[in-house]
Every structure is written in structure tokens, then in C-alpha cells.
Amino acid sequence: MSSRLVVKTHRPWRALAFRALSVLTFAFAAYLTYEYGRFKGGFDRIATAHESRALEARIGDLEGMNATLRDEIALLQTSRDIDRESYSQVARTVGELQAQILEQRKELALYRGIVSPDEGAAGLRVQELDVAQRLEDSHYRLKLVLVQALKHDRRVSGVVNLSVDGAENGRSVSYAMADITPDGARDLRFSFRYFQDFEKDLVLPDDFEPERINVEIRPSDRSAESITQSFDWTAKAG
């Protein structure tokens, strides 16, 4: 009895390839099943990708619009600040011009009082008297302007005395100039041909309520009469 020898070729890579192919086929089938399930559930991957890109584009557009609006807001704020500064400058200029006009009107009234007074009377007179409130209570700044109206052919000189009438603790009181000036000055000396102005600090007692200020002008020329003028006490903010 004779035996036969059978020779078989051993190819292990085929088995591995088959197994790998089986795994891939199973995985692909599982993926298709997963995608089919999502599609049946209403999920469209392609549509979702398009929508995502559309949203990204929309976000980009909105960010661009936002940046543009921020630039416009910054420009408007800058314009507003410029307008506000311009308005402030104009307001300051108008205020300065009004102050200049007021000062010029005062000067004009002064010159008119010298050249052609309203009363038409010649001689010494009080042209202006202003009282301004200082920061401290009961502290004031007095401004007094004397003029010589119509007659300017000679120089006039003399002294001015002030007094303030009012009420203190329910009774009438009058304070002389020496009592209400920090330096204790008794009078103001003048010597001028056309006009002369004075400024003087006044300090009144705390409980004193001023009502009237009196100005007495005493020329050095004995032939000239003294002049007394009274003014209601009106203090403006200094």
C-alpha cells in the first residue's frame, strides 16, 4: 500500500485580511445603521453642515456690523465731546463779552455823570456804590466812585466818611467807618479833577443786620458844603 503526500500552501495573511475586512464591513454597516437612525429621527448631516456654515457667516457679518457700530459710537462720542467743548467755549466767550459790556456800560455811565449828569447839578456826588458779599460771613467789599460833574476847571479834595445803619438785637444801631473796617480807618481821602474810585473791606458784627449805608463827602475847601447821600444796603455775591 502506497501513501500520498499532500502539500498545502499556508497563507496566514489571507485569514487576517478576511478578519479585518469582516471588522470593517461590520463597522461600516453599524455607521450606516447609526446615520440612518439619525436621518429617520430628523437629523440631516449635510443640512446641518450648511446651516452651521450659514450661522458662522452670519456671526461674522454681525461681528463686522458690531465693529462698525462701535466705530460710529466712538465717532459720535468724540463729536459730542467736541460740541460740548465748543459750547463751553462759546458760553465762556459770551459770559466774558457780557462782563465787558457791563463794565463798559458802567464806564459810560461814569463819563455821562461827569459830563452831563441826569440831575444837571454841578459839583461832587456819588456816582456808584456797590457792596459785594465775601466768602466769610459778615465780610463785605465796598466799591465807591466819586465824580465832579460839569465843572472840571479845578481839582477838588477832601475826605469821605461812611456809616452803616441797621438793627442789632432788636434795636437800631449805627456803626461808624472806624468800627467796621479791619484797619480802623476813620475816612477815605480823595483828590481828583474828574473822578476817583475806592475799594474797602468791611466787617460787620455777627448779630447786626445792615439796612442803609451813608456816605458823607467833606471837601477841604471851607466854602464848599458837605454832601451826604444814603443808599439802601444791597449786597451782591462777590
Protein backbone atom coordinates (compact mmCIF):
# COMPACT_ATOMS: atom_id res chain seq x y z
CA MET A 1 0.00 0.00 0.00
CA SER A 2 1.46 3.23 -1.04
CA SER A 3 0.81 6.61 0.74
CA ARG A 4 0.39 10.02 -0.94
CA LEU A 5 1.97 13.19 0.27
CA VAL A 6 -0.35 16.21 0.01
CA VAL A 7 1.33 19.60 0.12
CA LYS A 8 -0.88 22.63 1.14
CA THR A 9 0.25 26.21 0.94
CA HIS A 10 -0.16 28.00 4.29
CA ARG A 11 -1.22 31.65 3.79
CA PRO A 12 -1.94 33.20 7.20
CA TRP A 13 -2.30 36.73 5.76
CA ARG A 14 -5.50 35.73 3.99
CA ALA A 15 -7.13 34.87 7.27
CA LEU A 16 -6.02 38.16 8.78
CA ALA A 17 -7.23 40.09 5.75
CA PHE A 18 -10.56 38.34 5.91
CA ARG A 19 -10.94 39.11 9.55
CA ALA A 20 -10.01 42.77 9.01
CA LEU A 21 -12.43 43.01 6.13
CA SER A 22 -15.15 41.50 8.27
CA VAL A 23 -14.48 44.02 11.04
CA LEU A 24 -14.52 46.95 8.63
CA THR A 25 -17.70 45.69 6.98
CA PHE A 26 -19.36 45.36 10.37
CA ALA A 27 -18.19 48.84 11.41
CA PHE A 28 -19.38 50.43 8.17
CA ALA A 29 -22.72 48.67 8.49
CA ALA A 30 -23.02 49.91 12.06
CA TYR A 31 -22.17 53.51 10.95
CA LEU A 32 -24.76 53.30 8.16
CA THR A 33 -27.28 52.00 10.64
CA TYR A 34 -26.40 54.92 13.03
CA GLU A 35 -26.67 57.55 10.30
CA TYR A 36 -29.90 56.02 9.03
CA GLY A 37 -31.30 56.15 12.52
CA ARG A 38 -30.31 59.83 12.86
CA PHE A 39 -31.78 60.60 9.43
CA LYS A 40 -35.06 58.85 10.33
CA GLY A 41 -35.04 60.87 13.58
CA GLY A 42 -34.92 64.11 11.61
CA PHE A 43 -31.10 64.74 11.66
CA ASP A 44 -29.63 65.71 8.31
CA ARG A 45 -25.86 65.92 8.48
CA ILE A 46 -25.47 67.78 5.20
CA ALA A 47 -28.21 70.25 6.02
CA THR A 48 -26.73 70.73 9.47
CA ALA A 49 -23.31 71.43 7.97
CA HIS A 50 -24.83 74.02 5.61
CA GLU A 51 -26.73 75.60 8.48
CA SER A 52 -23.59 75.70 10.60
CA ARG A 53 -21.66 77.42 7.85
CA ALA A 54 -24.53 79.86 7.34
CA LEU A 55 -24.58 80.64 11.06
CA GLU A 56 -20.82 81.16 11.10
CA ALA A 57 -21.16 83.53 8.15
CA ARG A 58 -24.00 85.36 9.91
CA ILE A 59 -21.91 85.64 13.09
CA GLY A 60 -19.07 87.08 11.03
CA ASP A 61 -21.44 89.64 9.47
CA LEU A 62 -22.84 90.59 12.86
CA GLU A 63 -19.37 90.97 14.33
CA GLY A 64 -18.46 93.21 11.41
CA MET A 65 -21.62 95.29 11.94
CA ASN A 66 -20.84 95.46 15.66
CA ALA A 67 -17.34 96.74 14.98
CA THR A 68 -18.75 99.33 12.56
CA LEU A 69 -21.32 100.45 15.13
CA ARG A 70 -18.63 100.71 17.82
CA ASP A 71 -16.61 102.93 15.49
CA GLU A 72 -19.68 105.08 14.79
CA ILE A 73 -20.45 105.34 18.51
CA ALA A 74 -16.85 106.38 19.21
CA LEU A 75 -17.11 108.98 16.43
CA LEU A 76 -20.42 110.29 17.79
CA GLN A 77 -18.99 110.47 21.31
CA THR A 78 -15.99 112.36 20.01
CA SER A 79 -18.27 114.73 18.09
CA ARG A 80 -20.42 115.17 21.20
CA ASP A 81 -17.35 115.96 23.31
CA ILE A 82 -16.15 118.41 20.68
CA ASP A 83 -19.60 120.03 20.52
CA ARG A 84 -19.74 120.18 24.32
CA GLU A 85 -16.30 121.80 24.49
CA SER A 86 -17.26 124.19 21.69
CA TYR A 87 -20.45 125.08 23.54
CA SER A 88 -18.49 125.64 26.75
CA GLN A 89 -16.04 127.87 24.93
CA VAL A 90 -18.89 129.83 23.33
CA ALA A 91 -20.62 130.14 26.72
CA ARG A 92 -17.40 131.38 28.30
CA THR A 93 -16.89 133.84 25.47
CA VAL A 94 -20.47 135.10 25.78
CA GLY A 95 -20.01 135.46 29.54
CA GLU A 96 -16.79 137.38 29.05
CA LEU A 97 -18.41 139.62 26.45
CA GLN A 98 -21.37 140.28 28.74
CA ALA A 99 -18.99 141.17 31.57
CA GLN A 100 -17.11 143.52 29.23
CA ILE A 101 -20.37 145.10 28.07
CA LEU A 102 -21.47 145.60 31.68
CA GLU A 103 -18.13 147.16 32.56
CA GLN A 104 -18.26 149.42 29.53
CA ARG A 105 -21.79 150.47 30.42
CA LYS A 106 -20.60 151.37 33.90
CA GLU A 107 -17.75 153.41 32.41
CA LEU A 108 -20.18 155.11 30.03
CA ALA A 109 -22.50 155.96 32.94
CA LEU A 110 -19.50 157.30 34.82
CA TYR A 111 -18.46 159.59 31.97
CA ARG A 112 -22.04 160.73 31.46
CA GLY A 113 -22.25 161.52 35.16
CA ILE A 114 -19.15 163.67 34.80
CA VAL A 115 -20.07 165.45 31.59
CA SER A 116 -23.87 165.65 31.78
CA PRO A 117 -25.42 164.30 34.97
CA ASP A 118 -29.11 163.38 34.91
CA GLU A 119 -29.96 165.93 37.57
CA GLY A 120 -27.97 168.60 35.76
CA ALA A 121 -26.34 169.66 39.03
CA ALA A 122 -22.66 170.52 39.15
CA GLY A 123 -20.23 169.51 41.87
CA LEU A 124 -19.29 166.47 43.91
CA ARG A 125 -21.51 163.40 44.02
CA VAL A 126 -21.53 159.63 44.48
CA GLN A 127 -21.71 158.05 41.02
CA GLU A 128 -21.56 154.42 42.08
CA LEU A 129 -21.75 152.41 45.30
CA ASP A 130 -21.60 148.60 45.29
CA VAL A 131 -21.33 146.15 48.18
CA ALA A 132 -20.21 142.56 47.48
CA GLN A 133 -20.52 139.62 49.88
CA ARG A 134 -17.22 137.86 50.63
CA LEU A 135 -16.76 134.17 51.43
CA GLU A 136 -16.73 134.75 55.18
CA ASP A 137 -19.94 135.70 56.94
CA SER A 138 -20.34 139.42 57.68
CA HIS A 139 -17.37 140.25 55.41
CA TYR A 140 -18.01 142.62 52.51
CA ARG A 141 -16.15 144.56 49.82
CA LEU A 142 -17.26 148.15 49.23
CA LYS A 143 -16.69 149.95 45.93
CA LEU A 144 -17.30 153.69 45.84
CA VAL A 145 -16.93 156.07 42.87
CA LEU A 146 -16.98 159.86 43.32
CA VAL A 147 -17.30 162.27 40.40
CA GLN A 148 -17.15 166.01 39.90
CA ALA A 149 -19.90 166.85 37.46
CA LEU A 150 -19.87 169.62 34.86
CA LYS A 151 -17.17 171.79 36.47
CA HIS A 152 -13.71 170.34 35.91
CA ASP A 153 -11.67 173.52 35.88
CA ARG A 154 -10.05 172.80 39.24
CA ARG A 155 -9.06 169.88 41.36
CA VAL A 156 -11.22 169.00 44.35
CA SER A 157 -10.01 167.26 47.51
CA GLY A 158 -11.31 166.23 50.91
CA VAL A 159 -12.40 163.17 52.87
CA VAL A 160 -15.23 160.64 52.68
CA ASN A 161 -16.78 159.18 55.80
CA LEU A 162 -19.01 156.10 55.86
CA SER A 163 -21.52 154.73 58.35
CA VAL A 164 -23.92 151.81 58.28
CA ASP A 165 -27.36 151.86 59.92
CA GLY A 166 -29.23 148.73 60.90
CA ALA A 167 -30.73 146.62 63.67
CA GLU A 168 -28.95 144.60 66.34
CA ASN A 169 -30.74 142.53 68.97
CA GLY A 170 -33.99 144.36 68.30
CA ARG A 171 -32.65 147.92 68.49
CA SER A 172 -31.47 150.46 65.92
CA VAL A 173 -27.70 150.81 65.70
CA SER A 174 -25.34 152.85 63.54
CA TYR A 175 -21.68 151.86 63.08
CA ALA A 176 -19.05 154.37 62.05
CA MET A 177 -16.44 153.53 59.45
CA ALA A 178 -13.69 153.03 62.03
CA ASP A 179 -15.84 150.35 63.74
CA ILE A 180 -16.41 148.23 60.63
CA THR A 181 -13.08 148.41 58.75
CA PRO A 182 -10.29 145.92 59.55
CA ASP A 183 -7.65 148.67 59.60
CA GLY A 184 -9.79 151.03 61.70
CA ALA A 185 -9.67 153.78 59.07
CA ARG A 186 -11.81 156.76 60.04
CA ASP A 187 -12.27 158.10 56.50
CA LEU A 188 -11.14 157.96 52.86
CA ARG A 189 -9.15 160.82 51.38
CA PHE A 190 -9.80 161.96 47.83
CA SER A 191 -8.19 164.37 45.39
CA PHE A 192 -9.25 164.41 41.75
CA ARG A 193 -10.48 166.54 38.89
CA TYR A 194 -12.91 164.20 37.14
CA PHE A 195 -13.45 161.09 39.28
CA GLN A 196 -11.89 158.75 41.84
CA ASP A 197 -12.83 155.25 42.94
CA PHE A 198 -12.27 153.45 46.26
CA GLU A 199 -12.42 149.83 47.42
CA LYS A 200 -12.66 149.00 51.10
CA ASP A 201 -13.22 145.86 53.18
CA LEU A 202 -16.00 145.96 55.73
CA VAL A 203 -16.54 143.55 58.63
CA LEU A 204 -19.89 143.85 60.36
CA PRO A 205 -20.84 142.39 63.78
CA ASP A 206 -22.40 138.93 63.54
CA ASP A 207 -25.77 139.93 65.04
CA PHE A 208 -26.01 143.14 63.07
CA GLU A 209 -28.47 143.40 60.17
CA PRO A 210 -27.46 146.30 57.86
CA GLU A 211 -30.23 148.36 56.31
CA ARG A 212 -28.63 151.51 54.95
CA ILE A 213 -25.18 152.91 54.18
CA ASN A 214 -24.45 156.61 54.48
CA VAL A 215 -21.75 158.46 52.55
CA GLU A 216 -20.61 161.87 53.77
CA ILE A 217 -18.33 163.90 51.46
CA ARG A 218 -16.46 166.75 53.15
CA PRO A 219 -14.43 168.95 50.74
CA SER A 220 -11.28 170.62 52.02
CA ASP A 221 -12.49 173.95 50.64
CA ARG A 222 -14.36 175.52 53.51
CA SER A 223 -16.57 177.43 51.11
CA ALA A 224 -17.90 174.14 49.72
CA GLU A 225 -20.71 172.37 51.51
CA SER A 226 -20.54 168.81 52.75
CA ILE A 227 -22.67 166.29 50.89
CA THR A 228 -24.44 163.31 52.46
CA GLN A 229 -26.10 160.55 50.45
CA SER A 230 -27.82 157.43 51.79
CA PHE A 231 -28.28 154.12 49.96
CA ASP A 232 -30.27 151.01 50.81
CA TRP A 233 -27.98 148.14 51.79
CA THR A 234 -27.93 145.66 48.94
CA ALA A 235 -25.09 143.14 48.91
CA LYS A 236 -24.46 141.07 45.79
CA ALA A 237 -22.41 137.88 45.58
CA GLY A 238 -18.72 138.62 45.36
